[in-house]
Amino acid sequence: MSITATRQLLGTMTVSLSISLLATGEVKATSFKFTKIADTSGPFKDLKDVFGPVLNNTGTVAFSAILDDGRTGIFTSSGGTITPVVDTSGQFSLIGDIAINDSNTVAFVAATRDGHGEHLTFANIGVGEGR
C-alpha cells in the first residue's frame, strides 16, 4: 500500500470514528468540588503522604500527620471536624499503612512500645466526634 493510500485510509478511519463517537450521545463535562480536609495552619506540623490519605465511598478521608508537638497520628475528616484515631503518645511507637472502609473503620499497621513487633489494628470511629 502506498503512503498516499495509507494516509487516505487513516483519514477515513479517523472521520468514521469521530462520527461514531458523536452518534453515541452527548459529551458532558463533569464538575468537581474540592474540600479542604486539613492543612498545616492548625495543630499539624506536617501532613505525611507516605501512609495516606485514603478516601472511602462515603467521603471520609483518613490521613496521617505530624502534630506540632512531634507526635505522629492518624486522623479522619469529611471536611469539617477532624477526628483523631490514634497517635504515638500511647501504646504505639510507630504508625504505618492506613485503610478506611465505608463504615469508617480505620485499619492501620502499628509497632507497639513493648517491642512485640507490628500489629494490624482496627479503630471504629464516629466521624465528626472528638477534636
C-alpha atoms as a PDB file:
ATOM      1  CA  MET A   1       0.000   0.000   0.000  1.00  0.00           C
ATOM      2  CA  SER A   2       1.377   3.385  -0.951  1.00  0.00           C
ATOM      3  CA  ILE A   3       1.892   6.238   1.517  1.00  0.00           C
ATOM      4  CA  THR A   4      -0.935   8.203  -0.118  1.00  0.00           C
ATOM      5  CA  ALA A   5      -3.343   5.251   0.166  1.00  0.00           C
ATOM      6  CA  THR A   6      -2.338   4.696   3.824  1.00  0.00           C
ATOM      7  CA  ARG A   7      -2.975   8.358   4.662  1.00  0.00           C
ATOM      8  CA  GLN A   8      -6.373   8.235   2.938  1.00  0.00           C
ATOM      9  CA  LEU A   9      -7.312   5.071   4.844  1.00  0.00           C
ATOM     10  CA  LEU A  10      -6.227   6.590   8.184  1.00  0.00           C
ATOM     11  CA  GLY A  11      -8.100   9.804   7.380  1.00  0.00           C
ATOM     12  CA  THR A  12     -11.264   7.860   6.545  1.00  0.00           C
ATOM     13  CA  MET A  13     -10.944   5.780   9.734  1.00  0.00           C
ATOM     14  CA  THR A  14     -10.455   8.923  11.844  1.00  0.00           C
ATOM     15  CA  VAL A  15     -13.518  10.607  10.336  1.00  0.00           C
ATOM     16  CA  SER A  16     -15.587   7.430  10.787  1.00  0.00           C
ATOM     17  CA  LEU A  17     -14.511   7.062  14.398  1.00  0.00           C
ATOM     18  CA  SER A  18     -15.264  10.719  15.120  1.00  0.00           C
ATOM     19  CA  ILE A  19     -18.733  10.441  13.582  1.00  0.00           C
ATOM     20  CA  SER A  20     -19.479   7.239  15.512  1.00  0.00           C
ATOM     21  CA  LEU A  21     -18.428   8.896  18.770  1.00  0.00           C
ATOM     22  CA  LEU A  22     -20.698  11.835  18.050  1.00  0.00           C
ATOM     23  CA  ALA A  23     -23.588   9.487  17.312  1.00  0.00           C
ATOM     24  CA  THR A  24     -23.258   7.664  20.655  1.00  0.00           C
ATOM     25  CA  GLY A  25     -24.507  10.555  22.734  1.00  0.00           C
ATOM     26  CA  GLU A  26     -23.775  13.892  24.199  1.00  0.00           C
ATOM     27  CA  VAL A  27     -20.450  14.513  25.882  1.00  0.00           C
ATOM     28  CA  LYS A  28     -20.733  16.455  29.134  1.00  0.00           C
ATOM     29  CA  ALA A  29     -18.062  17.939  31.313  1.00  0.00           C
ATOM     30  CA  THR A  30     -18.007  16.773  34.899  1.00  0.00           C
ATOM     31  CA  SER A  31     -17.636  19.319  37.645  1.00  0.00           C
ATOM     32  CA  PHE A  32     -15.710  18.658  40.819  1.00  0.00           C
ATOM     33  CA  LYS A  33     -15.878  20.199  44.248  1.00  0.00           C
ATOM     34  CA  PHE A  34     -12.679  20.206  46.259  1.00  0.00           C
ATOM     35  CA  THR A  35     -12.963  20.147  50.036  1.00  0.00           C
ATOM     36  CA  LYS A  36     -10.068  21.090  52.304  1.00  0.00           C
ATOM     37  CA  ILE A  37      -9.582  18.337  54.839  1.00  0.00           C
ATOM     38  CA  ALA A  38      -6.564  19.632  56.770  1.00  0.00           C
ATOM     39  CA  ASP A  39      -3.608  21.988  56.486  1.00  0.00           C
ATOM     40  CA  THR A  40      -0.550  22.981  58.494  1.00  0.00           C
ATOM     41  CA  SER A  41      -2.039  26.209  59.874  1.00  0.00           C
ATOM     42  CA  GLY A  42      -3.520  24.422  62.902  1.00  0.00           C
ATOM     43  CA  PRO A  43      -2.219  21.594  65.081  1.00  0.00           C
ATOM     44  CA  PHE A  44      -0.380  19.858  62.235  1.00  0.00           C
ATOM     45  CA  LYS A  45       3.301  20.459  61.635  1.00  0.00           C
ATOM     46  CA  ASP A  46       3.362  18.217  58.546  1.00  0.00           C
ATOM     47  CA  LEU A  47       0.812  16.213  56.588  1.00  0.00           C
ATOM     48  CA  LYS A  48       2.525  12.951  55.771  1.00  0.00           C
ATOM     49  CA  ASP A  49       1.717  11.438  52.407  1.00  0.00           C
ATOM     50  CA  VAL A  50       3.586   8.170  52.939  1.00  0.00           C
ATOM     51  CA  PHE A  51       0.607   6.437  54.604  1.00  0.00           C
ATOM     52  CA  GLY A  52      -2.405   8.121  53.115  1.00  0.00           C
ATOM     53  CA  PRO A  53      -4.525   9.986  52.562  1.00  0.00           C
ATOM     54  CA  VAL A  54      -7.149   7.355  51.762  1.00  0.00           C
ATOM     55  CA  LEU A  55     -10.791   8.006  50.877  1.00  0.00           C
ATOM     56  CA  ASN A  56     -13.814   5.780  51.367  1.00  0.00           C
ATOM     57  CA  ASN A  57     -17.039   5.795  49.336  1.00  0.00           C
ATOM     58  CA  THR A  58     -18.865   7.950  51.913  1.00  0.00           C
ATOM     59  CA  GLY A  59     -16.403  10.837  51.517  1.00  0.00           C
ATOM     60  CA  THR A  60     -14.386  10.323  54.686  1.00  0.00           C
ATOM     61  CA  VAL A  61     -10.621  10.765  54.422  1.00  0.00           C
ATOM     62  CA  ALA A  62      -8.143   9.031  56.726  1.00  0.00           C
ATOM     63  CA  PHE A  63      -4.686  10.587  56.811  1.00  0.00           C
ATOM     64  CA  SER A  64      -1.513  10.647  58.862  1.00  0.00           C
ATOM     65  CA  ALA A  65       0.116  13.790  60.167  1.00  0.00           C
ATOM     66  CA  ILE A  66       2.857  15.004  62.449  1.00  0.00           C
ATOM     67  CA  LEU A  67       1.466  17.198  65.221  1.00  0.00           C
ATOM     68  CA  ASP A  68       3.133  20.409  66.349  1.00  0.00           C
ATOM     69  CA  ASP A  69       4.410  18.608  69.473  1.00  0.00           C
ATOM     70  CA  GLY A  70       6.161  15.940  67.340  1.00  0.00           C
ATOM     71  CA  ARG A  71       3.709  13.064  67.802  1.00  0.00           C
ATOM     72  CA  THR A  72       2.560  11.196  64.690  1.00  0.00           C
ATOM     73  CA  GLY A  73      -1.114  10.379  64.368  1.00  0.00           C
ATOM     74  CA  ILE A  74      -3.907   9.135  62.168  1.00  0.00           C
ATOM     75  CA  PHE A  75      -6.952  11.345  61.719  1.00  0.00           C
ATOM     76  CA  THR A  76     -10.207  11.340  59.779  1.00  0.00           C
ATOM     77  CA  SER A  77     -12.398  14.084  58.382  1.00  0.00           C
ATOM     78  CA  SER A  78     -15.082  14.724  55.800  1.00  0.00           C
ATOM     79  CA  GLY A  79     -14.181  18.390  55.559  1.00  0.00           C
ATOM     80  CA  GLY A  80     -15.446  19.571  58.927  1.00  0.00           C
ATOM     81  CA  THR A  81     -14.306  18.338  62.305  1.00  0.00           C
ATOM     82  CA  ILE A  82     -11.016  16.446  62.384  1.00  0.00           C
ATOM     83  CA  THR A  83     -11.295  13.254  64.436  1.00  0.00           C
ATOM     84  CA  PRO A  84      -8.147  11.752  65.968  1.00  0.00           C
ATOM     85  CA  VAL A  85      -7.940   7.968  65.608  1.00  0.00           C
ATOM     86  CA  VAL A  86      -4.598   7.190  67.237  1.00  0.00           C
ATOM     87  CA  ASP A  87      -1.246   8.832  67.903  1.00  0.00           C
ATOM     88  CA  THR A  88       2.193   7.891  69.154  1.00  0.00           C
ATOM     89  CA  SER A  89       1.639   9.189  72.695  1.00  0.00           C
ATOM     90  CA  GLY A  90       0.018   5.898  73.760  1.00  0.00           C
ATOM     91  CA  GLN A  91       0.789   2.238  73.187  1.00  0.00           C
ATOM     92  CA  PHE A  92       2.178   2.677  69.666  1.00  0.00           C
ATOM     93  CA  SER A  93       5.657   3.964  68.880  1.00  0.00           C
ATOM     94  CA  LEU A  94       5.234   3.819  65.110  1.00  0.00           C
ATOM     95  CA  ILE A  95       2.139   4.074  62.912  1.00  0.00           C
ATOM     96  CA  GLY A  96       2.037   2.956  59.288  1.00  0.00           C
ATOM     97  CA  ASP A  97      -0.209   1.915  56.382  1.00  0.00           C
ATOM     98  CA  ILE A  98      -3.799   3.196  56.598  1.00  0.00           C
ATOM     99  CA  ALA A  99      -7.097   1.923  55.192  1.00  0.00           C
ATOM    100  CA  ILE A 100     -10.700   3.008  55.830  1.00  0.00           C
ATOM    101  CA  ASN A 101     -13.913   1.212  54.898  1.00  0.00           C
ATOM    102  CA  ASP A 102     -17.377   2.643  54.248  1.00  0.00           C
ATOM    103  CA  SER A 103     -18.357   2.090  57.900  1.00  0.00           C
ATOM    104  CA  ASN A 104     -15.480   4.433  58.874  1.00  0.00           C
ATOM    105  CA  THR A 105     -13.445   1.662  60.468  1.00  0.00           C
ATOM    106  CA  VAL A 106      -9.799   2.615  60.145  1.00  0.00           C
ATOM    107  CA  ALA A 107      -7.198  -0.127  59.859  1.00  0.00           C
ATOM    108  CA  PHE A 108      -3.505   0.588  60.288  1.00  0.00           C
ATOM    109  CA  VAL A 109      -0.208  -1.113  60.957  1.00  0.00           C
ATOM    110  CA  ALA A 110       1.500  -0.082  64.178  1.00  0.00           C
ATOM    111  CA  ALA A 111       4.533  -1.043  66.231  1.00  0.00           C
ATOM    112  CA  THR A 112       3.955  -1.292  69.969  1.00  0.00           C
ATOM    113  CA  ARG A 113       6.185   0.303  72.578  1.00  0.00           C
ATOM    114  CA  ASP A 114       6.666  -3.027  74.366  1.00  0.00           C
ATOM    115  CA  GLY A 115       8.693  -4.338  71.420  1.00  0.00           C
ATOM    116  CA  HIS A 116       6.314  -7.077  70.337  1.00  0.00           C
ATOM    117  CA  GLY A 117       6.550  -6.017  66.698  1.00  0.00           C
ATOM    118  CA  GLU A 118       3.977  -4.708  64.288  1.00  0.00           C
ATOM    119  CA  HIS A 119       0.260  -5.361  64.509  1.00  0.00           C
ATOM    120  CA  LEU A 120      -2.666  -4.769  62.192  1.00  0.00           C
ATOM    121  CA  THR A 121      -5.025  -2.681  64.300  1.00  0.00           C
ATOM    122  CA  PHE A 122      -8.609  -1.531  63.766  1.00  0.00           C
ATOM    123  CA  ALA A 123     -10.285   1.539  65.220  1.00  0.00           C
ATOM    124  CA  ASN A 124     -14.030   2.033  64.781  1.00  0.00           C
ATOM    125  CA  ILE A 125     -14.563   5.766  64.858  1.00  0.00           C
ATOM    126  CA  GLY A 126     -17.511   8.085  64.581  1.00  0.00           C
ATOM    127  CA  VAL A 127     -16.595  10.803  62.108  1.00  0.00           C
ATOM    128  CA  GLY A 128     -17.323  14.256  63.416  1.00  0.00           C
ATOM    129  CA  GLU A 129     -16.721  13.365  67.038  1.00  0.00           C
ATOM    130  CA  GLY A 130     -13.687  14.358  69.016  1.00  0.00           C
ATOM    131  CA  ARG A 131     -11.379  17.222  68.201  1.00  0.00           C
END
